[in-house]
Each structure stands twice: as C-alpha cells, then as structure tokens.
Amino acid sequence: MYEIKQSLMTNGKIIEAGSIVDEKAIPKTSIQWLLDQEIIVKVDKKYKEKKLQEIAEAKKQAKAEEE
C-alpha cells in the first residue's frame, strides 16, 4: 500500500493527495520514480507507527492549547 503525497492522474483516474491506495492502483513502471520523487510513500509497519505518533502528538498539543 502507498500513501499519495500529491494528487496524481493514472490510468485516467485522479488519485487525491492523502489517499491510501493498493499497489495495483499505480502502474508498476511508475512506482520507483514516484517513490524517488516523494510523490508516494510506501505504507509499512514503521510508517504506520510514525503516523500514529504524529496524530497522538497533535491531539496532545491541541488539548494543551485548549487549557
């Protein structure tokens, strides 16, 4: 699975930034180039943990600002 960092058009479809898509949604010949350009990011266990930490920190910060 991949997270799309910038909206892109592939196979006549637009994939919006922030979307999580299966590998089949992106042409195999484009995957490495898109990774190199940081247009997509491979979603693995480490990436998921990092995102969950970012969300937890953002919630913690928002709560602190409310007080």
N, C-alpha and C. Protein backbone atom coordinates (compact mmCIF):
# COMPACT_ATOMS: atom_id res chain seq x y z
N MET A 1 0.83 -1.17 0.00
CA MET A 1 0.00 0.00 0.00
C MET A 1 0.89 1.25 0.00
N TYR A 2 0.33 2.31 -0.56
CA TYR A 2 1.07 3.56 -0.67
C TYR A 2 0.19 4.73 -0.26
N GLU A 3 0.82 5.74 0.37
CA GLU A 3 0.13 6.99 0.64
C GLU A 3 0.51 7.96 -0.47
N ILE A 4 -0.46 8.64 -1.01
CA ILE A 4 -0.25 9.61 -2.08
C ILE A 4 0.00 10.97 -1.44
N LYS A 5 1.15 11.57 -1.72
CA LYS A 5 1.52 12.86 -1.14
C LYS A 5 1.06 14.03 -2.00
N GLN A 6 0.97 13.82 -3.31
CA GLN A 6 0.48 14.84 -4.25
C GLN A 6 -0.56 14.18 -5.13
N SER A 7 -1.63 14.89 -5.42
CA SER A 7 -2.64 14.33 -6.33
C SER A 7 -1.97 13.96 -7.64
N LEU A 8 -2.39 12.83 -8.21
CA LEU A 8 -1.82 12.43 -9.49
C LEU A 8 -2.87 11.72 -10.33
N MET A 9 -2.64 11.74 -11.62
CA MET A 9 -3.55 11.08 -12.55
C MET A 9 -2.86 9.84 -13.09
N THR A 10 -3.54 8.72 -12.99
CA THR A 10 -3.01 7.48 -13.51
C THR A 10 -4.15 6.62 -14.03
N ASN A 11 -3.92 6.02 -15.16
CA ASN A 11 -4.94 5.18 -15.80
C ASN A 11 -6.26 5.92 -15.98
N GLY A 12 -6.19 7.22 -16.26
CA GLY A 12 -7.38 8.02 -16.48
C GLY A 12 -8.14 8.40 -15.21
N LYS A 13 -7.57 8.09 -14.04
CA LYS A 13 -8.23 8.40 -12.78
C LYS A 13 -7.34 9.35 -11.98
N ILE A 14 -7.97 10.22 -11.21
CA ILE A 14 -7.23 11.12 -10.33
C ILE A 14 -7.21 10.50 -8.93
N ILE A 15 -6.01 10.40 -8.38
CA ILE A 15 -5.86 9.92 -7.01
C ILE A 15 -5.47 11.14 -6.17
N GLU A 16 -6.32 11.47 -5.22
CA GLU A 16 -6.13 12.67 -4.41
C GLU A 16 -5.01 12.51 -3.39
N ALA A 17 -4.34 13.61 -3.09
CA ALA A 17 -3.31 13.63 -2.06
C ALA A 17 -3.93 13.18 -0.74
N GLY A 18 -3.19 12.38 0.01
CA GLY A 18 -3.67 11.87 1.29
C GLY A 18 -4.34 10.51 1.19
N SER A 19 -4.60 10.08 -0.04
CA SER A 19 -5.24 8.78 -0.22
C SER A 19 -4.25 7.65 0.07
N ILE A 20 -4.78 6.54 0.54
CA ILE A 20 -4.01 5.31 0.71
C ILE A 20 -4.53 4.35 -0.36
N VAL A 21 -3.63 3.90 -1.22
CA VAL A 21 -4.05 3.04 -2.33
C VAL A 21 -3.26 1.74 -2.34
N ASP A 22 -3.86 0.74 -2.93
CA ASP A 22 -3.21 -0.55 -3.12
C ASP A 22 -2.19 -0.42 -4.24
N GLU A 23 -1.22 -1.28 -4.24
CA GLU A 23 -0.16 -1.27 -5.25
C GLU A 23 -0.73 -1.37 -6.68
N LYS A 24 -1.86 -2.04 -6.82
CA LYS A 24 -2.47 -2.23 -8.15
C LYS A 24 -2.98 -0.92 -8.76
N ALA A 25 -3.20 0.09 -7.94
CA ALA A 25 -3.73 1.37 -8.42
C ALA A 25 -2.68 2.19 -9.15
N ILE A 26 -1.40 1.81 -9.01
CA ILE A 26 -0.29 2.56 -9.61
C ILE A 26 0.44 1.65 -10.58
N PRO A 27 0.68 2.12 -11.81
CA PRO A 27 1.42 1.29 -12.77
C PRO A 27 2.79 0.89 -12.22
N LYS A 28 3.13 -0.39 -12.36
CA LYS A 28 4.40 -0.91 -11.83
C LYS A 28 5.60 -0.13 -12.35
N THR A 29 5.53 0.32 -13.60
CA THR A 29 6.66 1.04 -14.18
C THR A 29 6.84 2.43 -13.57
N SER A 30 5.84 2.94 -12.86
CA SER A 30 5.91 4.28 -12.28
C SER A 30 6.27 4.29 -10.80
N ILE A 31 6.11 3.17 -10.12
CA ILE A 31 6.26 3.14 -8.66
C ILE A 31 7.62 3.66 -8.20
N GLN A 32 8.71 3.16 -8.75
CA GLN A 32 10.03 3.56 -8.28
C GLN A 32 10.26 5.06 -8.49
N TRP A 33 9.86 5.57 -9.66
CA TRP A 33 10.04 7.00 -9.94
C TRP A 33 9.23 7.84 -8.96
N LEU A 34 7.98 7.45 -8.71
CA LEU A 34 7.13 8.18 -7.78
C LEU A 34 7.70 8.15 -6.36
N LEU A 35 8.27 7.02 -5.97
CA LEU A 35 8.93 6.92 -4.65
C LEU A 35 10.14 7.85 -4.60
N ASP A 36 10.95 7.83 -5.64
CA ASP A 36 12.15 8.68 -5.70
C ASP A 36 11.80 10.16 -5.63
N GLN A 37 10.69 10.53 -6.23
CA GLN A 37 10.25 11.93 -6.25
C GLN A 37 9.45 12.31 -5.00
N GLU A 38 9.25 11.34 -4.11
CA GLU A 38 8.49 11.51 -2.87
C GLU A 38 7.05 11.94 -3.12
N ILE A 39 6.50 11.46 -4.22
CA ILE A 39 5.10 11.71 -4.55
C ILE A 39 4.23 10.65 -3.86
N ILE A 40 4.80 9.46 -3.68
CA ILE A 40 4.15 8.40 -2.93
C ILE A 40 5.11 7.90 -1.86
N VAL A 41 4.52 7.30 -0.82
CA VAL A 41 5.31 6.72 0.27
C VAL A 41 4.76 5.34 0.55
N LYS A 42 5.65 4.36 0.64
CA LYS A 42 5.21 3.00 0.95
C LYS A 42 4.73 2.96 2.40
N VAL A 43 3.55 2.41 2.59
CA VAL A 43 2.97 2.29 3.93
C VAL A 43 3.35 0.91 4.47
N ASP A 44 4.21 0.93 5.49
CA ASP A 44 4.60 -0.30 6.17
C ASP A 44 4.39 -0.11 7.67
N LYS A 45 4.75 -1.10 8.45
CA LYS A 45 4.51 -1.03 9.89
C LYS A 45 5.19 0.18 10.52
N LYS A 46 6.42 0.44 10.14
CA LYS A 46 7.17 1.57 10.69
C LYS A 46 6.49 2.90 10.34
N TYR A 47 6.03 3.02 9.10
CA TYR A 47 5.36 4.24 8.66
C TYR A 47 4.06 4.45 9.43
N LYS A 48 3.30 3.37 9.62
CA LYS A 48 2.04 3.47 10.36
C LYS A 48 2.29 3.93 11.80
N GLU A 49 3.32 3.36 12.44
CA GLU A 49 3.65 3.76 13.81
C GLU A 49 4.00 5.23 13.88
N LYS A 50 4.78 5.71 12.91
CA LYS A 50 5.17 7.12 12.88
C LYS A 50 3.94 8.01 12.74
N LYS A 51 3.02 7.66 11.84
CA LYS A 51 1.81 8.45 11.64
C LYS A 51 0.94 8.48 12.90
N LEU A 52 0.81 7.32 13.57
CA LEU A 52 0.02 7.28 14.79
C LEU A 52 0.63 8.16 15.88
N GLN A 53 1.96 8.17 15.96
CA GLN A 53 2.64 9.04 16.92
C GLN A 53 2.38 10.51 16.61
N GLU A 54 2.43 10.88 15.32
CA GLU A 54 2.18 12.26 14.91
C GLU A 54 0.76 12.68 15.30
N ILE A 55 -0.20 11.80 15.09
CA ILE A 55 -1.59 12.09 15.43
C ILE A 55 -1.74 12.27 16.94
N ALA A 56 -1.12 11.38 17.70
CA ALA A 56 -1.20 11.48 19.16
C ALA A 56 -0.58 12.78 19.65
N GLU A 57 0.54 13.18 19.10
CA GLU A 57 1.19 14.44 19.48
C GLU A 57 0.32 15.64 19.13
N ALA A 58 -0.31 15.60 17.95
CA ALA A 58 -1.16 16.71 17.52
C ALA A 58 -2.37 16.84 18.46
N LYS A 59 -2.96 15.71 18.85
CA LYS A 59 -4.09 15.74 19.78
C LYS A 59 -3.65 16.29 21.14
N LYS A 60 -2.48 15.85 21.58
CA LYS A 60 -1.95 16.30 22.87
C LYS A 60 -1.72 17.81 22.86
N GLN A 61 -1.18 18.30 21.76
CA GLN A 61 -0.91 19.73 21.62
C GLN A 61 -2.22 20.54 21.57
N ALA A 62 -3.19 20.03 20.83
CA ALA A 62 -4.48 20.71 20.73
C ALA A 62 -5.16 20.80 22.09
N LYS A 63 -5.07 19.72 22.86
CA LYS A 63 -5.67 19.70 24.19
C LYS A 63 -4.97 20.71 25.10
N ALA A 64 -3.65 20.80 25.01
CA ALA A 64 -2.89 21.75 25.83
C ALA A 64 -3.24 23.19 25.47
N GLU A 65 -3.51 23.45 24.21
CA GLU A 65 -3.87 24.80 23.77
C GLU A 65 -5.25 25.21 24.26
N GLU A 66 -6.13 24.23 24.44
CA GLU A 66 -7.49 24.50 24.93
C GLU A 66 -7.48 24.95 26.38
N GLU A 67 -6.51 24.47 27.14
CA GLU A 67 -6.47 24.76 28.57
C GLU A 67 -5.94 26.11 28.88
